[in-house]
PDB file of N, CA and C in Angstrom:
ATOM      1  N   MET A   1      11.002  17.873  -7.143  1.00  0.00           N
ATOM      2  CA  MET A   1      10.212  17.881  -8.392  1.00  0.00           C
ATOM      3  C   MET A   1       8.808  17.846  -8.254  1.00  0.00           C
ATOM      4  N   LYS A   2       8.536  18.481  -9.306  1.00  0.00           N
ATOM      5  CA  LYS A   2       6.802  18.690  -9.531  1.00  0.00           C
ATOM      6  C   LYS A   2       6.185  17.759 -10.923  1.00  0.00           C
ATOM      7  N   ILE A   3       5.148  17.211 -10.272  1.00  0.00           N
ATOM      8  CA  ILE A   3       4.545  16.648 -11.339  1.00  0.00           C
ATOM      9  C   ILE A   3       3.096  16.850 -11.270  1.00  0.00           C
ATOM     10  N   LYS A   4       2.610  16.308 -12.382  1.00  0.00           N
ATOM     11  CA  LYS A   4       1.071  16.312 -12.211  1.00  0.00           C
ATOM     12  C   LYS A   4       0.552  15.109 -12.751  1.00  0.00           C
ATOM     13  N   ASN A   5      -0.920  14.708 -12.212  1.00  0.00           N
ATOM     14  CA  ASN A   5      -1.352  13.373 -12.333  1.00  0.00           C
ATOM     15  C   ASN A   5      -1.961  13.498 -13.877  1.00  0.00           C
ATOM     16  N   ILE A   6      -1.990  12.246 -14.312  1.00  0.00           N
ATOM     17  CA  ILE A   6      -2.657  12.219 -15.748  1.00  0.00           C
ATOM     18  C   ILE A   6      -4.029  11.626 -15.434  1.00  0.00           C
ATOM     19  N   ASN A   7      -5.138  12.023 -15.049  1.00  0.00           N
ATOM     20  CA  ASN A   7      -6.245  11.351 -14.669  1.00  0.00           C
ATOM     21  C   ASN A   7      -6.966  10.485 -15.826  1.00  0.00           C
ATOM     22  N   GLY A   8      -7.684   9.625 -15.656  1.00  0.00           N
ATOM     23  CA  GLY A   8      -8.381   8.862 -16.494  1.00  0.00           C
ATOM     24  C   GLY A   8      -7.623   7.774 -17.329  1.00  0.00           C
ATOM     25  N   THR A   9      -6.576   7.391 -16.606  1.00  0.00           N
ATOM     26  CA  THR A   9      -5.475   6.221 -17.158  1.00  0.00           C
ATOM     27  C   THR A   9      -5.863   4.882 -16.402  1.00  0.00           C
ATOM     28  N   SER A  10      -6.532   4.893 -15.647  1.00  0.00           N
ATOM     29  CA  SER A  10      -6.917   3.532 -14.571  1.00  0.00           C
ATOM     30  C   SER A  10      -7.359   2.241 -15.457  1.00  0.00           C
ATOM     31  N   GLN A  11      -7.559   2.544 -16.609  1.00  0.00           N
ATOM     32  CA  GLN A  11      -7.868   1.210 -17.360  1.00  0.00           C
ATOM     33  C   GLN A  11      -6.504   0.521 -18.098  1.00  0.00           C
ATOM     34  N   THR A  12      -5.635   1.507 -18.201  1.00  0.00           N
ATOM     35  CA  THR A  12      -4.730   1.037 -18.891  1.00  0.00           C
ATOM     36  C   THR A  12      -3.791  -0.269 -17.933  1.00  0.00           C
ATOM     37  N   THR A  13      -3.306  -1.173 -18.704  1.00  0.00           N
ATOM     38  CA  THR A  13      -2.558  -2.259 -18.025  1.00  0.00           C
ATOM     39  C   THR A  13      -1.263  -2.413 -18.540  1.00  0.00           C
ATOM     40  N   CYS A  14      -0.218  -3.147 -17.694  1.00  0.00           N
ATOM     41  CA  CYS A  14       0.692  -3.710 -18.592  1.00  0.00           C
ATOM     42  C   CYS A  14       0.804  -5.160 -17.869  1.00  0.00           C
ATOM     43  N   ALA A  15       1.998  -5.666 -18.482  1.00  0.00           N
ATOM     44  CA  ALA A  15       2.174  -7.441 -17.965  1.00  0.00           C
ATOM     45  C   ALA A  15       3.096  -7.349 -16.879  1.00  0.00           C
ATOM     46  N   CYS A  16       3.361  -6.312 -16.151  1.00  0.00           N
ATOM     47  CA  CYS A  16       4.006  -6.407 -14.990  1.00  0.00           C
ATOM     48  C   CYS A  16       3.037  -6.729 -13.723  1.00  0.00           C
ATOM     49  N   GLY A  17       1.671  -6.703 -13.825  1.00  0.00           N
ATOM     50  CA  GLY A  17       0.604  -7.188 -12.884  1.00  0.00           C
ATOM     51  C   GLY A  17       0.178  -5.711 -12.271  1.00  0.00           C
ATOM     52  N   SER A  18       0.971  -4.825 -12.065  1.00  0.00           N
ATOM     53  CA  SER A  18       0.388  -3.355 -11.651  1.00  0.00           C
ATOM     54  C   SER A  18       1.183  -2.740 -12.202  1.00  0.00           C
ATOM     55  N   TRP A  19       0.847  -1.245 -12.005  1.00  0.00           N
ATOM     56  CA  TRP A  19       1.711  -0.115 -12.574  1.00  0.00           C
ATOM     57  C   TRP A  19       2.922  -0.148 -11.157  1.00  0.00           C
ATOM     58  N   LEU A  20       2.257  -0.023 -10.264  1.00  0.00           N
ATOM     59  CA  LEU A  20       3.655  -0.042  -9.050  1.00  0.00           C
ATOM     60  C   LEU A  20       4.861  -1.134  -9.090  1.00  0.00           C
ATOM     61  N   LYS A  21       4.115  -2.241  -9.595  1.00  0.00           N
ATOM     62  CA  LYS A  21       5.318  -3.491  -9.539  1.00  0.00           C
ATOM     63  C   LYS A  21       6.007  -2.868 -11.067  1.00  0.00           C
ATOM     64  N   HIS A  22       5.555  -2.353 -11.935  1.00  0.00           N
ATOM     65  CA  HIS A  22       6.186  -1.739 -13.033  1.00  0.00           C
ATOM     66  C   HIS A  22       7.067  -0.849 -12.543  1.00  0.00           C
ATOM     67  N   TRP A  23       6.700   0.034 -11.735  1.00  0.00           N
ATOM     68  CA  TRP A  23       7.660   1.054 -11.475  1.00  0.00           C
ATOM     69  C   TRP A  23       8.983   0.525 -10.765  1.00  0.00           C
ATOM     70  N   GLU A  24       8.462  -0.220  -9.403  1.00  0.00           N
ATOM     71  CA  GLU A  24       9.630  -0.814  -9.142  1.00  0.00           C
ATOM     72  C   GLU A  24      10.520  -1.665  -9.717  1.00  0.00           C
ATOM     73  N   LYS A  25      10.301  -2.542 -10.626  1.00  0.00           N
ATOM     74  CA  LYS A  25      10.865  -3.185 -11.293  1.00  0.00           C
ATOM     75  C   LYS A  25      11.989  -2.311 -12.505  1.00  0.00           C
ATOM     76  N   PHE A  26      11.405  -1.224 -12.848  1.00  0.00           N
ATOM     77  CA  PHE A  26      12.268  -0.365 -14.100  1.00  0.00           C
ATOM     78  C   PHE A  26      13.232   0.803 -13.188  1.00  0.00           C
ATOM     79  N   SER A  27      12.796   1.117 -11.752  1.00  0.00           N
ATOM     80  CA  SER A  27      13.303   2.316 -11.212  1.00  0.00           C
ATOM     81  C   SER A  27      14.383   1.243 -10.491  1.00  0.00           C
ATOM     82  N   GLY A  28      14.074   0.188  -9.739  1.00  0.00           N
ATOM     83  CA  GLY A  28      14.885  -0.757  -9.087  1.00  0.00           C
ATOM     84  C   GLY A  28      14.966   0.070  -7.672  1.00  0.00           C
ATOM     85  N   GLN A  29      13.965   0.660  -7.338  1.00  0.00           N
ATOM     86  CA  GLN A  29      13.496   0.826  -6.017  1.00  0.00           C
ATOM     87  C   GLN A  29      12.280   0.521  -5.695  1.00  0.00           C
ATOM     88  N   THR A  30      12.062   0.811  -4.031  1.00  0.00           N
ATOM     89  CA  THR A  30      10.836   0.528  -3.258  1.00  0.00           C
ATOM     90  C   THR A  30      10.505   1.766  -2.479  1.00  0.00           C
ATOM     91  N   VAL A  31       9.296   1.859  -2.170  1.00  0.00           N
ATOM     92  CA  VAL A  31       9.005   2.817  -1.321  1.00  0.00           C
ATOM     93  C   VAL A  31       7.833   2.429  -0.404  1.00  0.00           C
ATOM     94  N   VAL A  32       7.934   2.725   0.710  1.00  0.00           N
ATOM     95  CA  VAL A  32       6.964   2.572   1.916  1.00  0.00           C
ATOM     96  C   VAL A  32       5.775   3.438   1.924  1.00  0.00           C
ATOM     97  N   TYR A  33       6.001   5.176   2.003  1.00  0.00           N
ATOM     98  CA  TYR A  33       5.269   6.237   2.190  1.00  0.00           C
ATOM     99  C   TYR A  33       5.155   6.750   0.931  1.00  0.00           C
ATOM    100  N   CYS A  34       3.929   7.323   0.853  1.00  0.00           N
ATOM    101  CA  CYS A  34       3.593   8.237  -0.517  1.00  0.00           C
ATOM    102  C   CYS A  34       4.963   9.523  -0.522  1.00  0.00           C
ATOM    103  N   PRO A  35       5.427   9.659  -1.670  1.00  0.00           N
ATOM    104  CA  PRO A  35       6.532  10.402  -1.599  1.00  0.00           C
ATOM    105  C   PRO A  35       6.156  12.255  -1.640  1.00  0.00           C
ATOM    106  N   VAL A  36       4.789  12.344  -1.708  1.00  0.00           N
ATOM    107  CA  VAL A  36       4.289  13.896  -1.633  1.00  0.00           C
ATOM    108  C   VAL A  36       4.737  14.279  -0.068  1.00  0.00           C
ATOM    109  N   GLY A  37       5.501  15.242  -0.281  1.00  0.00           N
ATOM    110  CA  GLY A  37       5.937  16.109   1.055  1.00  0.00           C
ATOM    111  C   GLY A  37       4.712  16.018   2.130  1.00  0.00           C
ATOM    112  N   GLY A  38       5.054  15.478   3.295  1.00  0.00           N
ATOM    113  CA  GLY A  38       4.440  15.331   4.319  1.00  0.00           C
ATOM    114  C   GLY A  38       3.096  14.316   4.437  1.00  0.00           C
ATOM    115  N   CYS A  39       3.231  13.413   3.319  1.00  0.00           N
ATOM    116  CA  CYS A  39       2.242  12.558   3.180  1.00  0.00           C
ATOM    117  C   CYS A  39       2.890  11.255   3.874  1.00  0.00           C
ATOM    118  N   MET A  40       1.811  10.396   4.811  1.00  0.00           N
ATOM    119  CA  MET A  40       2.477   9.426   5.381  1.00  0.00           C
ATOM    120  C   MET A  40       1.661   8.061   4.969  1.00  0.00           C
ATOM    121  N   GLN A  41       0.884   7.985   4.079  1.00  0.00           N
ATOM    122  CA  GLN A  41       0.049   7.123   3.768  1.00  0.00           C
ATOM    123  C   GLN A  41       0.753   6.156   3.073  1.00  0.00           C
ATOM    124  N   LYS A  42       0.311   4.712   3.078  1.00  0.00           N
ATOM    125  CA  LYS A  42       0.783   3.589   2.385  1.00  0.00           C
ATOM    126  C   LYS A  42       0.131   2.827   1.597  1.00  0.00           C
ATOM    127  N   ASP A  43      -1.211   3.216   0.961  1.00  0.00           N
ATOM    128  CA  ASP A  43      -1.758   2.718  -0.084  1.00  0.00           C
ATOM    129  C   ASP A  43      -1.397   3.326  -1.289  1.00  0.00           C
ATOM    130  N   LEU A  44      -0.395   2.590  -1.894  1.00  0.00           N
ATOM    131  CA  LEU A  44       0.304   3.131  -2.819  1.00  0.00           C
ATOM    132  C   LEU A  44       0.201   2.441  -4.254  1.00  0.00           C
ATOM    133  N   VAL A  45       0.106   3.171  -5.291  1.00  0.00           N
ATOM    134  CA  VAL A  45      -0.064   2.739  -6.925  1.00  0.00           C
ATOM    135  C   VAL A  45       0.797   3.210  -7.356  1.00  0.00           C
ATOM    136  N   GLY A  46       0.972   2.929  -8.585  1.00  0.00           N
ATOM    137  CA  GLY A  46       1.693   3.494  -9.712  1.00  0.00           C
ATOM    138  C   GLY A  46       1.092   4.404 -10.476  1.00  0.00           C
ATOM    139  N   ALA A  47       1.214   5.522 -10.140  1.00  0.00           N
ATOM    140  CA  ALA A  47       0.276   6.667 -11.121  1.00  0.00           C
ATOM    141  C   ALA A  47       1.008   7.232 -12.110  1.00  0.00           C
ATOM    142  N   HIS A  48       0.244   7.455 -13.280  1.00  0.00           N
ATOM    143  CA  HIS A  48       0.496   8.220 -14.549  1.00  0.00           C
ATOM    144  C   HIS A  48       0.606   9.567 -14.448  1.00  0.00           C
ATOM    145  N   VAL A  49       1.885  10.153 -14.539  1.00  0.00           N
ATOM    146  CA  VAL A  49       2.059  11.402 -14.404  1.00  0.00           C
ATOM    147  C   VAL A  49       3.043  12.002 -15.502  1.00  0.00           C
ATOM    148  N   GLN A  50       3.015  13.543 -15.396  1.00  0.00           N
ATOM    149  CA  GLN A  50       3.756  13.994 -16.264  1.00  0.00           C
ATOM    150  C   GLN A  50       4.457  15.215 -15.400  1.00  0.00           C
ATOM    151  N   LYS A  51       5.644  15.500 -16.053  1.00  0.00           N
ATOM    152  CA  LYS A  51       6.686  16.664 -15.320  1.00  0.00           C
ATOM    153  C   LYS A  51       6.037  17.772 -15.538  1.00  0.00           C
ATOM    154  N   ASP A  52       5.884  18.576 -14.426  1.00  0.00           N
ATOM    155  CA  ASP A  52       5.024  20.084 -14.551  1.00  0.00           C
ATOM    156  C   ASP A  52       6.092  20.735 -15.055  1.00  0.00           C
ATOM    157  N   ASP A  53       5.759  21.918 -15.757  1.00  0.00           N
ATOM    158  CA  ASP A  53       6.456  23.067 -16.478  1.00  0.00           C
ATOM    159  C   ASP A  53       7.537  22.528 -17.164  1.00  0.00           C
ATOM    160  N   SER A  54       7.245  21.600 -17.860  1.00  0.00           N
ATOM    161  CA  SER A  54       8.488  21.145 -18.838  1.00  0.00           C
ATOM    162  C   SER A  54       8.059  20.959 -20.097  1.00  0.00           C
ATOM    163  N   PRO A  55       9.059  21.059 -21.265  1.00  0.00           N
ATOM    164  CA  PRO A  55       8.509  20.567 -22.404  1.00  0.00           C
ATOM    165  C   PRO A  55       8.606  19.154 -22.966  1.00  0.00           C
ATOM    166  N   ASP A  56       8.943  18.389 -21.929  1.00  0.00           N
ATOM    167  CA  ASP A  56       8.877  16.960 -21.852  1.00  0.00           C
ATOM    168  C   ASP A  56       7.362  16.400 -21.620  1.00  0.00           C
ATOM    169  N   GLU A  57       6.605  15.724 -22.726  1.00  0.00           N
ATOM    170  CA  GLU A  57       5.280  15.882 -22.383  1.00  0.00           C
ATOM    171  C   GLU A  57       5.173  14.065 -22.513  1.00  0.00           C
ATOM    172  N   LYS A  58       6.044  13.359 -21.933  1.00  0.00           N
ATOM    173  CA  LYS A  58       6.041  11.744 -21.944  1.00  0.00           C
ATOM    174  C   LYS A  58       5.253  11.476 -20.620  1.00  0.00           C
ATOM    175  N   TRP A  59       4.765  10.441 -20.771  1.00  0.00           N
ATOM    176  CA  TRP A  59       4.142   9.857 -19.812  1.00  0.00           C
ATOM    177  C   TRP A  59       5.064   8.949 -18.714  1.00  0.00           C
ATOM    178  N   TYR A  60       4.923   8.876 -17.419  1.00  0.00           N
ATOM    179  CA  TYR A  60       5.639   8.391 -16.568  1.00  0.00           C
ATOM    180  C   TYR A  60       4.874   7.668 -15.468  1.00  0.00           C
ATOM    181  N   ILE A  61       5.429   6.849 -14.932  1.00  0.00           N
ATOM    182  CA  ILE A  61       4.932   6.139 -13.708  1.00  0.00           C
ATOM    183  C   ILE A  61       5.767   6.683 -12.273  1.00  0.00           C
ATOM    184  N   TYR A  62       5.024   6.726 -11.542  1.00  0.00           N
ATOM    185  CA  TYR A  62       5.244   7.558 -10.101  1.00  0.00           C
ATOM    186  C   TYR A  62       4.681   6.808  -8.907  1.00  0.00           C
ATOM    187  N   PRO A  63       5.095   6.143  -8.135  1.00  0.00           N
ATOM    188  CA  PRO A  63       4.373   5.745  -6.793  1.00  0.00           C
ATOM    189  C   PRO A  63       3.760   7.133  -6.080  1.00  0.00           C
ATOM    190  N   LEU A  64       2.475   6.948  -5.998  1.00  0.00           N
ATOM    191  CA  LEU A  64       1.693   7.877  -4.968  1.00  0.00           C
ATOM    192  C   LEU A  64       0.568   7.336  -4.316  1.00  0.00           C
ATOM    193  N   CYS A  65       0.195   7.702  -3.218  1.00  0.00           N
ATOM    194  CA  CYS A  65      -0.933   7.109  -2.715  1.00  0.00           C
ATOM    195  C   CYS A  65      -2.385   6.999  -3.186  1.00  0.00           C
ATOM    196  N   SER A  66      -3.353   6.630  -2.729  1.00  0.00           N
ATOM    197  CA  SER A  66      -4.605   6.439  -3.688  1.00  0.00           C
ATOM    198  C   SER A  66      -5.104   8.093  -3.900  1.00  0.00           C
ATOM    199  N   ALA A  67      -5.046   8.680  -2.572  1.00  0.00           N
ATOM    200  CA  ALA A  67      -5.831  10.134  -2.894  1.00  0.00           C
ATOM    201  C   ALA A  67      -4.829  11.081  -3.688  1.00  0.00           C
ATOM    202  N   HIS A  68      -3.379  11.228  -3.545  1.00  0.00           N
ATOM    203  CA  HIS A  68      -2.879  11.965  -4.393  1.00  0.00           C
ATOM    204  C   HIS A  68      -3.025  11.317  -5.934  1.00  0.00           C
ATOM    205  N   ASN A  69      -2.915  10.046  -6.026  1.00  0.00           N
ATOM    206  CA  ASN A  69      -3.341   9.726  -7.398  1.00  0.00           C
ATOM    207  C   ASN A  69      -4.566  10.316  -8.026  1.00  0.00           C
ATOM    208  N   LYS A  70      -5.273  10.779  -7.203  1.00  0.00           N
ATOM    209  CA  LYS A  70      -6.669  11.217  -7.825  1.00  0.00           C
ATOM    210  C   LYS A  70      -6.802  12.954  -7.908  1.00  0.00           C
ATOM    211  N   SER A  71      -5.454  13.096  -7.399  1.00  0.00           N
ATOM    212  CA  SER A  71      -5.434  14.923  -7.386  1.00  0.00           C
ATOM    213  C   SER A  71      -5.048  15.279  -8.911  1.00  0.00           C
ATOM    214  N   THR A  72      -5.840  16.653  -9.252  1.00  0.00           N
ATOM    215  CA  THR A  72      -5.757  17.285 -10.411  1.00  0.00           C
ATOM    216  C   THR A  72      -4.807  18.567 -10.204  1.00  0.00           C
ATOM    217  N   GLY A  73      -3.957  18.726  -8.949  1.00  0.00           N
ATOM    218  CA  GLY A  73      -3.117  19.988  -8.878  1.00  0.00           C
ATOM    219  C   GLY A  73      -1.811  19.546  -9.226  1.00  0.00           C
ATOM    220  N   VAL A  74      -0.907  20.286  -9.009  1.00  0.00           N
ATOM    221  CA  VAL A  74       0.631  19.924  -9.354  1.00  0.00           C
ATOM    222  C   VAL A  74       1.007  19.783  -7.856  1.00  0.00           C
ATOM    223  N   LEU A  75       1.751  18.410  -7.794  1.00  0.00           N
ATOM    224  CA  LEU A  75       2.438  17.691  -6.783  1.00  0.00           C
ATOM    225  C   LEU A  75       3.959  18.007  -6.276  1.00  0.00           C
ATOM    226  N   GLU A  76       4.287  18.202  -5.319  1.00  0.00           N
ATOM    227  CA  GLU A  76       5.702  18.668  -5.172  1.00  0.00           C
ATOM    228  C   GLU A  76       6.269  17.186  -4.435  1.00  0.00           C
ATOM    229  N   VAL A  77       7.208  16.253  -5.190  1.00  0.00           N
ATOM    230  CA  VAL A  77       7.591  15.045  -4.538  1.00  0.00           C
ATOM    231  C   VAL A  77       8.932  15.059  -4.586  1.00  0.00           C
ATOM    232  N   SER A  78       9.385  13.797  -3.908  1.00  0.00           N
ATOM    233  CA  SER A  78      10.686  13.550  -3.688  1.00  0.00           C
ATOM    234  C   SER A  78      11.553  13.170  -4.891  1.00  0.00           C
ATOM    235  N   ASP A  79      12.885  14.161  -4.996  1.00  0.00           N
ATOM    236  CA  ASP A  79      13.703  13.554  -5.981  1.00  0.00           C
ATOM    237  C   ASP A  79      14.211  12.287  -5.832  1.00  0.00           C
ATOM    238  N   ALA A  80      14.227  11.832  -4.789  1.00  0.00           N
ATOM    239  CA  ALA A  80      15.058  10.405  -4.302  1.00  0.00           C
ATOM    240  C   ALA A  80      14.386   9.249  -5.100  1.00  0.00           C
ATOM    241  N   TYR A  81      13.275   9.391  -5.730  1.00  0.00           N
ATOM    242  CA  TYR A  81      12.527   8.217  -6.458  1.00  0.00           C
ATOM    243  C   TYR A  81      12.254   8.791  -7.960  1.00  0.00           C
ATOM    244  N   ARG A  82      12.779   7.723  -8.650  1.00  0.00           N
ATOM    245  CA  ARG A  82      12.918   8.231 -10.274  1.00  0.00           C
ATOM    246  C   ARG A  82      11.487   7.978 -10.938  1.00  0.00           C
ATOM    247  N   LEU A  83      11.385   8.647 -12.041  1.00  0.00           N
ATOM    248  CA  LEU A  83      10.055   8.553 -12.931  1.00  0.00           C
ATOM    249  C   LEU A  83      10.602   7.504 -13.989  1.00  0.00           C
ATOM    250  N   VAL A  84       9.624   6.572 -13.991  1.00  0.00           N
ATOM    251  CA  VAL A  84       9.719   5.121 -15.005  1.00  0.00           C
ATOM    252  C   VAL A  84       8.867   5.722 -16.276  1.00  0.00           C
ATOM    253  N   SER A  85       9.299   5.358 -17.366  1.00  0.00           N
ATOM    254  CA  SER A  85       8.604   5.257 -18.698  1.00  0.00           C
ATOM    255  C   SER A  85       7.401   4.651 -18.428  1.00  0.00           C
ATOM    256  N   ALA A  86       6.192   5.312 -18.631  1.00  0.00           N
ATOM    257  CA  ALA A  86       4.927   4.516 -19.102  1.00  0.00           C
ATOM    258  C   ALA A  86       4.778   3.897 -20.355  1.00  0.00           C
ATOM    259  N   ASN A  87       5.667   4.154 -21.353  1.00  0.00           N
ATOM    260  CA  ASN A  87       5.583   3.515 -22.845  1.00  0.00           C
ATOM    261  C   ASN A  87       6.129   2.126 -22.665  1.00  0.00           C
ATOM    262  N   LYS A  88       5.188   1.380 -22.609  1.00  0.00           N
ATOM    263  CA  LYS A  88       5.504  -0.121 -22.829  1.00  0.00           C
ATOM    264  C   LYS A  88       6.515  -0.710 -23.648  1.00  0.00           C
ATOM    265  N   LYS A  89       6.583  -0.203 -24.616  1.00  0.00           N
ATOM    266  CA  LYS A  89       7.476  -0.417 -25.775  1.00  0.00           C
ATOM    267  C   LYS A  89       8.949  -0.110 -25.402  1.00  0.00           C
ATOM    268  N   GLU A  90       9.271   0.807 -24.635  1.00  0.00           N
ATOM    269  CA  GLU A  90      10.509   1.017 -23.871  1.00  0.00           C
ATOM    270  C   GLU A  90      10.610   0.393 -22.786  1.00  0.00           C
ATOM    271  N   THR A  91       9.766  -0.283 -22.200  1.00  0.00           N
ATOM    272  CA  THR A  91       9.771  -1.330 -20.699  1.00  0.00           C
ATOM    273  C   THR A  91       9.665  -2.401 -20.688  1.00  0.00           C
ATOM    274  N   CYS A  92       8.571  -2.980 -20.621  1.00  0.00           N
ATOM    275  CA  CYS A  92       8.034  -4.495 -20.059  1.00  0.00           C
ATOM    276  C   CYS A  92       7.496  -5.126 -21.428  1.00  0.00           C
ATOM    277  N   GLU A  93       7.437  -4.127 -22.582  1.00  0.00           N
ATOM    278  CA  GLU A  93       7.080  -4.977 -24.045  1.00  0.00           C
ATOM    279  C   GLU A  93       8.185  -4.734 -24.803  1.00  0.00           C
ATOM    280  N   LYS A  94       9.121  -4.532 -24.384  1.00  0.00           N
ATOM    281  CA  LYS A  94      10.435  -3.876 -25.107  1.00  0.00           C
ATOM    282  C   LYS A  94      11.024  -5.284 -25.768  1.00  0.00           C
ATOM    283  N   GLY A  95      11.264  -5.191 -27.204  1.00  0.00           N
ATOM    284  CA  GLY A  95      11.711  -6.522 -27.687  1.00  0.00           C
ATOM    285  C   GLY A  95      10.668  -7.569 -28.348  1.00  0.00           C
ATOM    286  N   LYS A  96       9.357  -6.905 -28.091  1.00  0.00           N
ATOM    287  CA  LYS A  96       8.144  -8.194 -28.320  1.00  0.00           C
ATOM    288  C   LYS A  96       7.575  -7.791 -29.757  1.00  0.00           C
TER     289      LYS A  96
END
């Protein structure tokens, strides 16, 4: 799967405590290493991303290491991990 980072979103927060916790809660998954091909970094964050080359312009959360979270290019990542909606009204604030 190909994604691109949405830069400039570090100030946005959610009730889950961190965006990585948000991703774990709503994906039902955990991850140890950065899912970018060949990366073995463990300093993971929940990155705001969009699908690359897709008409879908929604924002998602996906686990990336700090370095890849600052990337401005297209990233090839593992299909084994799910994209989770960054829209809090669809996830952690649903029903509020």
